[in-house]
N, C-alpha and C. Protein backbone atom coordinates (compact mmCIF):
# COMPACT_ATOMS: atom_id res chain seq x y z
N UNK A 1 20.83 6.26 -9.10
CA UNK A 1 19.98 5.46 -9.90
C UNK A 1 19.35 6.17 -10.89
N UNK A 2 19.21 5.56 -12.11
CA UNK A 2 18.53 6.09 -13.37
C UNK A 2 17.08 5.93 -13.19
N UNK A 3 16.24 7.11 -13.22
CA UNK A 3 14.74 7.09 -13.08
C UNK A 3 14.13 7.71 -14.11
N UNK A 4 13.10 7.15 -14.65
CA UNK A 4 12.40 7.70 -15.81
C UNK A 4 10.76 8.09 -15.14
N UNK A 5 10.53 9.38 -15.49
CA UNK A 5 9.34 9.75 -15.14
C UNK A 5 8.35 10.00 -16.37
N UNK A 6 7.37 9.33 -16.56
CA UNK A 6 6.19 9.70 -17.63
C UNK A 6 5.29 10.85 -16.99
N UNK A 7 5.38 11.97 -17.44
CA UNK A 7 4.51 13.14 -16.82
C UNK A 7 5.41 14.30 -16.70
N UNK A 8 4.87 15.47 -16.84
CA UNK A 8 5.40 16.84 -16.59
C UNK A 8 4.51 17.66 -15.76
N UNK A 9 3.48 17.20 -15.19
CA UNK A 9 2.55 17.90 -14.31
C UNK A 9 3.01 18.17 -12.92
N UNK A 10 2.02 18.52 -12.18
CA UNK A 10 2.42 18.83 -10.67
C UNK A 10 3.01 17.56 -10.01
N UNK A 11 2.31 16.47 -10.21
CA UNK A 11 2.57 15.30 -9.44
C UNK A 11 4.07 14.79 -9.88
N UNK A 12 4.18 14.79 -11.21
CA UNK A 12 5.42 14.45 -11.77
C UNK A 12 6.66 15.22 -11.01
N UNK A 13 6.47 16.52 -11.22
CA UNK A 13 7.40 17.36 -10.51
C UNK A 13 7.73 17.16 -9.14
N UNK A 14 6.61 17.06 -8.44
CA UNK A 14 6.66 16.85 -6.88
C UNK A 14 7.34 15.48 -6.63
N UNK A 15 7.03 14.47 -7.24
CA UNK A 15 7.72 13.05 -7.09
C UNK A 15 9.12 13.32 -7.44
N UNK A 16 9.42 13.90 -8.62
CA UNK A 16 10.76 13.98 -9.21
C UNK A 16 11.52 14.90 -8.14
N UNK A 17 10.82 15.94 -7.55
CA UNK A 17 11.69 16.80 -6.65
C UNK A 17 12.31 15.92 -5.45
N UNK A 18 11.51 14.87 -5.03
CA UNK A 18 12.11 14.03 -4.06
C UNK A 18 13.14 13.07 -4.50
N UNK A 19 12.81 12.38 -5.76
CA UNK A 19 13.67 11.39 -6.39
C UNK A 19 15.00 12.09 -6.95
N UNK A 20 15.01 13.33 -7.16
CA UNK A 20 16.35 14.00 -7.60
C UNK A 20 17.32 14.18 -6.57
N UNK A 21 16.95 13.80 -5.25
CA UNK A 21 17.80 13.91 -4.13
C UNK A 21 18.64 12.55 -4.11
N UNK A 22 19.70 12.52 -5.03
CA UNK A 22 20.62 11.33 -4.98
C UNK A 22 20.31 10.52 -6.19
N UNK A 23 19.47 10.96 -7.30
CA UNK A 23 19.17 10.05 -8.42
C UNK A 23 19.43 10.89 -9.63
N UNK A 24 19.37 10.23 -10.82
CA UNK A 24 19.35 10.98 -12.15
C UNK A 24 18.04 10.78 -12.62
N UNK A 25 17.21 11.66 -12.82
CA UNK A 25 15.85 11.71 -13.26
C UNK A 25 15.62 12.20 -14.56
N UNK A 26 15.01 11.68 -15.44
CA UNK A 26 14.43 12.16 -16.81
C UNK A 26 12.92 12.04 -16.81
N UNK A 27 12.44 13.17 -17.50
CA UNK A 27 11.02 13.32 -17.54
C UNK A 27 10.63 13.31 -18.96
N UNK A 28 9.49 12.60 -19.32
CA UNK A 28 8.84 12.54 -20.52
C UNK A 28 7.41 12.74 -20.55
N UNK A 29 6.82 13.44 -21.63
CA UNK A 29 5.41 13.57 -21.79
C UNK A 29 4.82 12.19 -22.20
N UNK A 30 3.49 11.83 -21.99
CA UNK A 30 2.86 10.70 -22.53
C UNK A 30 2.97 10.42 -23.89
N UNK A 31 3.12 11.59 -24.60
CA UNK A 31 3.27 11.31 -26.09
C UNK A 31 4.67 11.28 -26.64
N UNK A 32 5.67 11.49 -25.70
CA UNK A 32 7.12 11.58 -26.08
C UNK A 32 7.63 10.29 -26.51
N UNK A 33 8.59 10.14 -27.23
CA UNK A 33 9.40 8.82 -27.63
C UNK A 33 10.46 8.69 -26.64
N UNK A 34 10.54 7.56 -25.89
CA UNK A 34 11.67 7.40 -25.03
C UNK A 34 12.59 6.31 -25.52
N UNK A 35 13.76 6.60 -25.62
CA UNK A 35 14.81 5.74 -26.15
C UNK A 35 15.44 4.81 -25.10
N UNK A 36 15.63 5.37 -23.96
CA UNK A 36 16.23 4.47 -22.98
C UNK A 36 15.35 4.84 -21.64
N UNK A 37 15.20 3.65 -20.80
CA UNK A 37 14.47 3.83 -19.59
C UNK A 37 15.35 3.41 -18.31
N UNK A 38 15.21 4.24 -17.27
CA UNK A 38 15.85 3.88 -16.02
C UNK A 38 15.30 2.64 -15.45
N UNK A 39 15.94 2.06 -14.40
CA UNK A 39 15.45 0.79 -13.67
C UNK A 39 14.27 1.13 -12.91
N UNK A 40 14.02 2.44 -12.68
CA UNK A 40 12.62 2.76 -11.88
C UNK A 40 12.00 3.66 -12.96
N UNK A 41 10.65 3.38 -13.12
CA UNK A 41 9.90 4.06 -14.00
C UNK A 41 8.59 4.49 -13.28
N UNK A 42 8.28 5.82 -13.24
CA UNK A 42 7.21 6.34 -12.63
C UNK A 42 6.22 6.84 -13.48
N UNK A 43 4.95 6.33 -13.52
CA UNK A 43 3.78 6.71 -14.36
C UNK A 43 2.97 7.79 -13.75
N UNK A 44 3.46 8.97 -13.84
CA UNK A 44 2.62 10.03 -13.43
C UNK A 44 1.85 10.86 -14.33
N UNK A 45 1.01 10.03 -14.90
CA UNK A 45 0.15 10.37 -16.02
C UNK A 45 -1.40 10.12 -15.66
N UNK A 46 -2.28 10.74 -16.38
CA UNK A 46 -3.66 10.39 -16.14
C UNK A 46 -3.98 8.85 -16.46
N UNK A 47 -4.92 8.26 -15.57
CA UNK A 47 -5.21 6.95 -15.82
C UNK A 47 -5.36 6.43 -17.25
N UNK A 48 -6.11 7.09 -18.09
CA UNK A 48 -6.47 6.59 -19.41
C UNK A 48 -5.03 6.40 -20.30
N UNK A 49 -4.02 7.10 -19.91
CA UNK A 49 -2.83 7.08 -20.57
C UNK A 49 -1.94 5.73 -20.24
N UNK A 50 -2.24 5.10 -19.07
CA UNK A 50 -1.42 4.01 -18.76
C UNK A 50 -1.41 2.85 -19.83
N UNK A 51 -2.68 2.48 -20.26
CA UNK A 51 -2.68 1.40 -21.35
C UNK A 51 -1.93 1.56 -22.58
N UNK A 52 -1.97 2.77 -22.99
CA UNK A 52 -1.40 3.15 -24.33
C UNK A 52 0.24 2.99 -24.08
N UNK A 53 0.73 3.66 -23.06
CA UNK A 53 2.17 3.52 -22.65
C UNK A 53 2.56 2.16 -22.39
N UNK A 54 1.66 1.42 -21.66
CA UNK A 54 2.21 -0.03 -21.52
C UNK A 54 2.19 -0.84 -22.84
N UNK A 55 1.26 -0.59 -23.63
CA UNK A 55 1.16 -1.11 -25.01
C UNK A 55 2.51 -0.87 -25.82
N UNK A 56 2.76 0.41 -25.77
CA UNK A 56 3.72 0.92 -26.51
C UNK A 56 5.20 0.59 -26.20
N UNK A 57 5.46 0.36 -24.85
CA UNK A 57 6.83 0.02 -24.25
C UNK A 57 6.74 -1.15 -23.39
N UNK A 58 5.95 -2.10 -23.78
CA UNK A 58 5.96 -3.40 -22.96
C UNK A 58 7.25 -4.07 -22.91
N UNK A 59 7.91 -4.27 -24.05
CA UNK A 59 9.10 -4.94 -24.26
C UNK A 59 10.27 -4.07 -23.35
N UNK A 60 10.33 -2.80 -23.61
CA UNK A 60 11.33 -2.03 -23.12
C UNK A 60 11.22 -1.93 -21.55
N UNK A 61 9.91 -2.17 -20.98
CA UNK A 61 9.78 -2.03 -19.49
C UNK A 61 9.94 -3.34 -18.79
N UNK A 62 10.30 -4.29 -19.72
CA UNK A 62 10.26 -5.71 -19.12
C UNK A 62 11.60 -5.76 -17.89
N UNK A 63 11.28 -6.17 -16.88
CA UNK A 63 12.18 -6.24 -15.95
C UNK A 63 12.46 -4.94 -15.05
N UNK A 64 11.62 -3.94 -15.47
CA UNK A 64 11.86 -2.71 -14.76
C UNK A 64 10.73 -2.68 -13.49
N UNK A 65 11.05 -1.71 -12.65
CA UNK A 65 10.05 -1.37 -11.49
C UNK A 65 9.30 -0.35 -12.03
N UNK A 66 7.98 -0.50 -12.13
CA UNK A 66 7.05 0.47 -12.69
C UNK A 66 5.83 1.05 -11.77
N UNK A 67 5.99 2.12 -11.32
CA UNK A 67 4.98 2.70 -10.37
C UNK A 67 3.83 3.40 -10.90
N UNK A 68 2.79 2.92 -10.66
CA UNK A 68 1.50 3.56 -11.04
C UNK A 68 1.12 4.61 -9.89
N UNK A 69 0.78 5.74 -10.31
CA UNK A 69 0.41 6.76 -9.22
C UNK A 69 -1.04 7.12 -9.47
N UNK A 70 -1.69 6.57 -10.38
CA UNK A 70 -3.14 7.03 -10.88
C UNK A 70 -4.23 6.79 -9.69
N UNK A 71 -5.23 7.53 -9.87
CA UNK A 71 -6.51 7.39 -9.22
C UNK A 71 -7.53 7.34 -10.32
N UNK A 72 -8.09 6.04 -10.62
CA UNK A 72 -8.82 5.94 -11.86
C UNK A 72 -10.33 6.35 -11.43
N UNK A 73 -10.47 7.58 -11.22
CA UNK A 73 -11.94 7.89 -11.06
C UNK A 73 -12.59 8.43 -12.25
N UNK A 74 -13.90 8.47 -12.29
CA UNK A 74 -14.69 9.14 -13.28
C UNK A 74 -14.71 10.56 -13.17
N UNK A 75 -13.98 11.20 -14.01
CA UNK A 75 -13.71 12.82 -13.82
C UNK A 75 -14.94 13.57 -14.34
N UNK A 76 -15.75 12.73 -15.00
CA UNK A 76 -17.04 13.47 -15.42
C UNK A 76 -18.00 13.71 -14.38
N UNK A 77 -18.16 12.60 -13.43
CA UNK A 77 -19.04 12.68 -12.40
C UNK A 77 -18.46 12.81 -10.88
N UNK A 78 -17.12 12.49 -10.82
CA UNK A 78 -16.47 12.43 -9.52
C UNK A 78 -17.21 11.64 -8.47
N UNK A 79 -17.90 10.63 -8.86
CA UNK A 79 -18.56 9.78 -7.86
C UNK A 79 -18.23 8.11 -7.99
N UNK A 80 -17.16 7.76 -8.77
CA UNK A 80 -16.94 6.38 -8.69
C UNK A 80 -15.52 6.17 -9.38
N UNK A 81 -14.87 5.09 -8.97
CA UNK A 81 -13.78 4.54 -9.57
C UNK A 81 -14.18 3.78 -10.93
N UNK A 82 -13.33 3.88 -11.99
CA UNK A 82 -13.85 3.25 -13.25
C UNK A 82 -13.19 1.81 -13.45
N UNK A 83 -12.62 1.25 -12.48
CA UNK A 83 -12.01 0.01 -12.65
C UNK A 83 -12.98 -0.95 -11.97
N UNK A 84 -13.03 -2.36 -12.16
CA UNK A 84 -13.80 -3.35 -11.48
C UNK A 84 -13.50 -3.23 -10.03
N UNK A 85 -14.57 -3.53 -9.23
CA UNK A 85 -14.66 -3.59 -7.90
C UNK A 85 -13.55 -4.51 -7.21
N UNK A 86 -13.18 -5.57 -8.04
CA UNK A 86 -12.25 -6.55 -7.40
C UNK A 86 -10.85 -6.32 -7.94
N UNK A 87 -10.64 -5.26 -8.57
CA UNK A 87 -9.34 -4.67 -9.23
C UNK A 87 -9.03 -3.46 -8.93
N UNK A 88 -7.96 -3.01 -9.72
CA UNK A 88 -7.30 -1.58 -9.55
C UNK A 88 -6.53 -1.21 -10.83
N UNK A 89 -6.25 -0.02 -10.99
CA UNK A 89 -5.42 0.54 -12.07
C UNK A 89 -4.13 -0.20 -12.11
N UNK A 90 -3.59 -0.34 -10.96
CA UNK A 90 -2.17 -0.88 -10.87
C UNK A 90 -2.26 -2.37 -11.23
N UNK A 91 -3.19 -3.22 -10.77
CA UNK A 91 -3.45 -4.56 -11.14
C UNK A 91 -3.67 -4.67 -12.81
N UNK A 92 -4.31 -3.75 -13.18
CA UNK A 92 -4.60 -3.83 -14.72
C UNK A 92 -3.24 -3.59 -15.39
N UNK A 93 -2.37 -2.54 -14.79
CA UNK A 93 -1.07 -2.15 -15.34
C UNK A 93 -0.28 -3.52 -15.39
N UNK A 94 -0.32 -4.19 -14.15
CA UNK A 94 0.59 -5.38 -14.13
C UNK A 94 0.12 -6.29 -15.24
N UNK A 95 -1.17 -6.54 -15.47
CA UNK A 95 -1.59 -7.37 -16.53
C UNK A 95 -1.18 -6.90 -17.77
N UNK A 96 -1.00 -5.67 -18.09
CA UNK A 96 -0.54 -5.07 -19.45
C UNK A 96 1.07 -5.27 -19.50
N UNK A 97 1.65 -5.26 -18.29
CA UNK A 97 3.11 -5.31 -18.10
C UNK A 97 3.50 -6.57 -17.53
N UNK A 98 3.16 -7.86 -17.89
CA UNK A 98 3.45 -8.99 -17.19
C UNK A 98 4.98 -9.32 -16.77
N UNK A 99 5.88 -8.73 -17.52
CA UNK A 99 7.30 -8.86 -17.27
C UNK A 99 8.02 -7.80 -16.46
N UNK A 100 7.06 -6.80 -15.96
CA UNK A 100 7.48 -5.69 -15.14
C UNK A 100 7.19 -6.06 -13.68
N UNK A 101 7.65 -5.23 -12.87
CA UNK A 101 7.26 -5.28 -11.42
C UNK A 101 6.48 -3.94 -11.04
N UNK A 102 5.22 -4.18 -11.00
CA UNK A 102 4.45 -2.85 -10.89
C UNK A 102 4.14 -2.73 -9.42
N UNK A 103 4.22 -1.48 -9.05
CA UNK A 103 3.93 -1.02 -7.65
C UNK A 103 2.85 0.10 -7.88
N UNK A 104 2.10 0.19 -6.69
CA UNK A 104 1.18 1.47 -6.58
C UNK A 104 1.70 2.21 -5.41
N UNK A 105 1.89 3.52 -5.72
CA UNK A 105 2.41 4.56 -4.67
C UNK A 105 2.05 5.92 -5.24
N UNK A 106 2.18 6.78 -4.23
CA UNK A 106 1.96 8.19 -4.53
C UNK A 106 0.53 8.73 -4.76
N UNK A 107 -0.29 7.67 -5.09
CA UNK A 107 -1.73 8.28 -5.29
C UNK A 107 -2.41 8.63 -4.02
N UNK A 108 -2.10 8.54 -2.92
CA UNK A 108 -2.78 8.99 -1.78
C UNK A 108 -2.17 10.29 -1.12
N UNK A 109 -1.21 10.93 -1.92
CA UNK A 109 -0.58 11.96 -1.77
C UNK A 109 -0.87 13.13 -2.70
N UNK A 110 -1.00 14.44 -2.23
CA UNK A 110 -0.95 15.42 -3.12
C UNK A 110 0.28 16.00 -3.46
N UNK A 111 0.41 16.76 -4.54
CA UNK A 111 1.72 17.33 -4.82
C UNK A 111 2.26 18.37 -3.87
N UNK A 112 1.48 19.04 -3.32
CA UNK A 112 1.88 20.03 -2.18
C UNK A 112 2.52 19.37 -1.03
N UNK A 113 1.93 18.16 -0.60
CA UNK A 113 2.57 17.49 0.46
C UNK A 113 3.71 16.76 0.20
N UNK A 114 3.90 16.34 -1.16
CA UNK A 114 5.22 15.75 -1.66
C UNK A 114 6.29 16.76 -1.68
N UNK A 115 5.89 18.08 -2.00
CA UNK A 115 7.02 19.18 -2.01
C UNK A 115 7.38 19.45 -0.72
N UNK A 116 6.45 19.59 0.19
CA UNK A 116 6.66 20.14 1.47
C UNK A 116 7.36 19.00 2.31
N UNK A 117 6.87 17.67 2.17
CA UNK A 117 7.41 16.54 3.08
C UNK A 117 6.45 16.51 4.32
N UNK A 118 5.42 17.20 4.37
CA UNK A 118 4.50 17.37 5.51
C UNK A 118 3.00 17.18 5.14
N UNK A 119 2.27 16.62 6.00
CA UNK A 119 0.82 16.71 6.00
C UNK A 119 0.36 17.08 7.38
N UNK A 120 0.09 18.28 7.44
CA UNK A 120 -0.08 19.07 8.79
C UNK A 120 1.27 18.92 9.42
N UNK A 121 1.27 18.43 10.48
CA UNK A 121 2.55 18.18 11.49
C UNK A 121 3.11 16.82 11.23
N UNK A 122 2.52 16.15 10.40
CA UNK A 122 3.12 14.60 10.17
C UNK A 122 3.99 14.65 8.92
N UNK A 123 5.01 13.87 8.87
CA UNK A 123 5.80 13.64 7.67
C UNK A 123 5.00 12.99 6.56
N UNK A 124 5.12 13.23 5.22
CA UNK A 124 4.34 12.73 4.37
C UNK A 124 4.67 11.37 4.12
N UNK A 125 3.66 10.42 4.28
CA UNK A 125 3.97 8.98 4.09
C UNK A 125 3.57 8.64 2.74
N UNK A 126 4.37 7.85 2.05
CA UNK A 126 4.10 7.31 0.84
C UNK A 126 3.79 5.75 0.96
N UNK A 127 2.57 5.45 0.68
CA UNK A 127 2.05 4.10 1.03
C UNK A 127 2.41 3.29 -0.31
N UNK A 128 2.93 2.01 -0.33
CA UNK A 128 3.42 1.41 -1.50
C UNK A 128 2.93 -0.08 -1.41
N UNK A 129 2.06 -0.39 -2.45
CA UNK A 129 1.61 -1.84 -2.54
C UNK A 129 2.20 -2.34 -3.77
N UNK A 130 2.55 -3.66 -3.48
CA UNK A 130 3.23 -4.45 -4.61
C UNK A 130 3.54 -5.89 -4.30
N UNK A 131 3.67 -6.81 -5.15
CA UNK A 131 3.96 -8.15 -4.95
C UNK A 131 5.39 -8.45 -4.92
N UNK A 132 6.44 -7.57 -5.14
CA UNK A 132 7.78 -7.88 -5.26
C UNK A 132 8.42 -6.98 -4.28
N UNK A 133 8.99 -7.68 -3.08
CA UNK A 133 9.79 -6.89 -2.08
C UNK A 133 10.95 -6.10 -2.58
N UNK A 134 11.62 -6.80 -3.61
CA UNK A 134 12.78 -6.22 -4.03
C UNK A 134 12.52 -4.94 -5.01
N UNK A 135 11.32 -4.82 -5.53
CA UNK A 135 10.93 -3.65 -6.18
C UNK A 135 10.51 -2.51 -5.18
N UNK A 136 9.98 -2.86 -4.11
CA UNK A 136 9.59 -2.03 -3.03
C UNK A 136 10.78 -1.25 -2.43
N UNK A 137 11.88 -2.29 -2.39
CA UNK A 137 12.99 -1.76 -1.84
C UNK A 137 13.78 -0.78 -2.75
N UNK A 138 13.58 -1.05 -4.12
CA UNK A 138 14.09 -0.11 -5.11
C UNK A 138 13.55 1.25 -4.94
N UNK A 139 12.24 1.36 -4.63
CA UNK A 139 11.53 2.74 -4.58
C UNK A 139 11.84 3.36 -3.34
N UNK A 140 12.02 2.53 -2.28
CA UNK A 140 12.51 3.01 -0.99
C UNK A 140 13.91 3.58 -1.04
N UNK A 141 14.79 2.86 -1.64
CA UNK A 141 16.22 3.35 -1.74
C UNK A 141 16.20 4.77 -2.44
N UNK A 142 15.46 4.71 -3.60
CA UNK A 142 15.38 5.93 -4.43
C UNK A 142 14.98 7.17 -3.70
N UNK A 143 14.08 6.94 -2.55
CA UNK A 143 13.49 8.02 -2.00
C UNK A 143 14.26 8.20 -0.56
N UNK A 144 15.39 7.50 -0.46
CA UNK A 144 16.22 7.54 0.93
C UNK A 144 16.61 8.80 1.36
N UNK A 145 17.03 9.64 0.42
CA UNK A 145 17.51 10.94 0.83
C UNK A 145 16.30 12.10 0.84
N UNK A 146 15.23 11.66 0.52
CA UNK A 146 14.13 12.60 0.57
C UNK A 146 13.61 12.63 2.07
N UNK A 147 12.63 13.72 2.48
CA UNK A 147 12.16 13.77 3.72
C UNK A 147 10.85 12.79 3.78
N UNK A 148 10.53 12.11 2.84
CA UNK A 148 9.17 11.29 2.89
C UNK A 148 9.46 9.89 3.56
N UNK A 149 8.37 9.37 4.17
CA UNK A 149 8.48 8.15 4.93
C UNK A 149 7.74 7.17 4.04
N UNK A 150 8.49 6.08 3.64
CA UNK A 150 7.94 5.09 2.60
C UNK A 150 7.53 3.89 3.47
N UNK A 151 6.00 3.50 3.31
CA UNK A 151 5.47 2.59 4.27
C UNK A 151 4.93 1.52 3.36
N UNK A 152 5.13 0.13 3.68
CA UNK A 152 4.76 -0.94 2.82
C UNK A 152 3.18 -1.10 3.33
N UNK A 153 2.29 -1.07 2.23
CA UNK A 153 0.97 -1.29 2.32
C UNK A 153 0.47 -2.67 1.93
N UNK A 154 1.37 -3.50 1.75
CA UNK A 154 1.00 -4.84 1.38
C UNK A 154 1.14 -5.30 -0.06
N UNK A 155 0.51 -6.33 -0.40
CA UNK A 155 0.43 -6.91 -1.84
C UNK A 155 -0.17 -6.06 -2.84
N UNK A 156 -0.08 -6.22 -4.06
CA UNK A 156 -0.58 -5.15 -5.13
C UNK A 156 -2.14 -5.20 -5.04
N UNK A 157 -2.66 -6.37 -4.56
CA UNK A 157 -4.19 -6.42 -4.27
C UNK A 157 -4.70 -5.28 -3.34
N UNK A 158 -3.81 -4.78 -2.59
CA UNK A 158 -4.03 -3.56 -1.76
C UNK A 158 -4.06 -2.27 -2.53
N UNK A 159 -3.72 -2.23 -3.77
CA UNK A 159 -3.82 -1.19 -4.50
C UNK A 159 -5.26 -0.46 -4.52
N UNK A 160 -6.34 -1.49 -4.63
CA UNK A 160 -7.58 -1.11 -4.77
C UNK A 160 -7.97 -0.18 -3.40
N UNK A 161 -7.62 -0.51 -2.45
CA UNK A 161 -7.93 0.27 -1.01
C UNK A 161 -7.12 1.68 -1.15
N UNK A 162 -5.89 1.64 -1.66
CA UNK A 162 -5.10 2.94 -1.96
C UNK A 162 -5.88 3.80 -2.87
N UNK A 163 -6.29 3.25 -3.95
CA UNK A 163 -7.15 4.07 -4.81
C UNK A 163 -8.43 4.63 -4.23
N UNK A 164 -8.97 3.99 -3.40
CA UNK A 164 -10.21 4.53 -2.74
C UNK A 164 -9.77 5.56 -1.66
N UNK A 165 -8.81 5.38 -1.07
CA UNK A 165 -8.37 6.46 -0.16
C UNK A 165 -7.93 7.62 -0.93
N UNK A 166 -7.29 7.61 -2.15
CA UNK A 166 -6.91 8.58 -2.95
C UNK A 166 -7.98 9.24 -3.55
N UNK A 167 -9.03 8.49 -3.98
CA UNK A 167 -10.38 9.02 -4.47
C UNK A 167 -11.04 9.90 -3.40
N UNK A 168 -11.14 9.38 -2.16
CA UNK A 168 -11.81 10.02 -1.05
C UNK A 168 -11.17 11.39 -0.67
N UNK A 169 -9.65 11.51 -0.69
CA UNK A 169 -8.97 12.71 -0.46
C UNK A 169 -9.28 13.69 -1.60
N UNK A 170 -9.26 13.24 -2.78
CA UNK A 170 -9.73 14.25 -3.89
C UNK A 170 -11.05 14.66 -3.79
N UNK A 171 -12.05 13.89 -3.49
CA UNK A 171 -13.31 14.43 -3.38
C UNK A 171 -13.54 15.47 -2.21
N UNK A 172 -12.78 15.15 -1.34
CA UNK A 172 -12.91 15.98 0.03
C UNK A 172 -12.06 17.38 -0.44
N UNK A 173 -11.06 17.38 -1.21
CA UNK A 173 -10.43 18.50 -1.61
C UNK A 173 -11.25 19.23 -2.69
N UNK A 174 -11.80 18.53 -3.54
CA UNK A 174 -12.45 19.13 -4.59
C UNK A 174 -13.89 19.78 -4.19
N UNK A 175 -14.42 19.36 -3.10
CA UNK A 175 -15.63 19.94 -2.28
C UNK A 175 -15.15 21.00 -1.28
N UNK A 176 -13.88 21.24 -1.25
CA UNK A 176 -13.16 22.30 -0.41
C UNK A 176 -13.44 22.05 1.12
N UNK A 177 -13.59 20.78 1.52
CA UNK A 177 -13.56 20.37 2.84
C UNK A 177 -12.11 20.23 3.48
N UNK A 178 -11.17 20.05 2.57
CA UNK A 178 -9.69 20.07 2.98
C UNK A 178 -9.08 20.83 1.82
N UNK A 179 -7.80 21.18 1.97
CA UNK A 179 -7.12 21.91 1.00
C UNK A 179 -6.37 20.94 0.22
N UNK A 180 -5.90 21.36 -0.97
CA UNK A 180 -4.98 20.37 -1.83
C UNK A 180 -3.58 20.27 -1.23
N UNK A 181 -3.28 20.97 -0.06
CA UNK A 181 -2.14 20.83 0.63
C UNK A 181 -2.34 20.01 2.06
N UNK A 182 -3.48 19.27 1.98
CA UNK A 182 -3.83 18.34 3.22
C UNK A 182 -3.90 17.06 2.81
N UNK A 183 -4.75 16.30 3.52
CA UNK A 183 -4.85 14.78 3.16
C UNK A 183 -4.74 14.05 4.51
N UNK A 184 -4.59 12.76 4.50
CA UNK A 184 -4.55 11.99 5.67
C UNK A 184 -3.01 11.77 6.01
N UNK A 185 -2.96 12.01 7.30
CA UNK A 185 -1.54 11.80 7.89
C UNK A 185 -1.42 10.48 8.71
N UNK A 186 -0.17 10.04 9.03
CA UNK A 186 0.00 8.87 9.61
C UNK A 186 0.93 9.20 11.01
N UNK A 187 0.39 9.03 12.11
CA UNK A 187 1.06 9.24 13.40
C UNK A 187 1.68 7.75 13.62
N UNK A 188 2.87 7.79 14.38
CA UNK A 188 3.52 6.60 14.77
C UNK A 188 3.39 6.39 16.27
């Protein structure tokens, strides 16, 4: 599968590490010009960059599966999410890309746990929210050769809860209560 990743930071590399197992992955910075997109597009950029990329490439992303990994928190204060209480960054991205299939995923994972495939003794679980089951299957198939466990977290409206969990993990790590190689694990 052809996959496009916006972003070149730790999260982009960690996600790409898993997607490169059986897929063709191309990386672009948020300011790069993209001529051709894969069927799966990962937005591994800071939250403020989402809107600009969506506006620039709305037509080109039509029909594509677009994965938002952002946690839209206030990085000045680290005390709030900056999206309305009844929405999420992923829902905003879906509104900006009405002809794309937007998913929320990877925002509850740290780069280290994506690279290792483990959170403590648990397999790293990638929680995925979205309204299109076929889009979820595209992401699951793309990760099928990786050690990650993909779990369906429900409709795109569940992205708000995923963003809250991601925010909580980040604040725990920033306050040194857990490491950036930790996080919440799921036992079966």
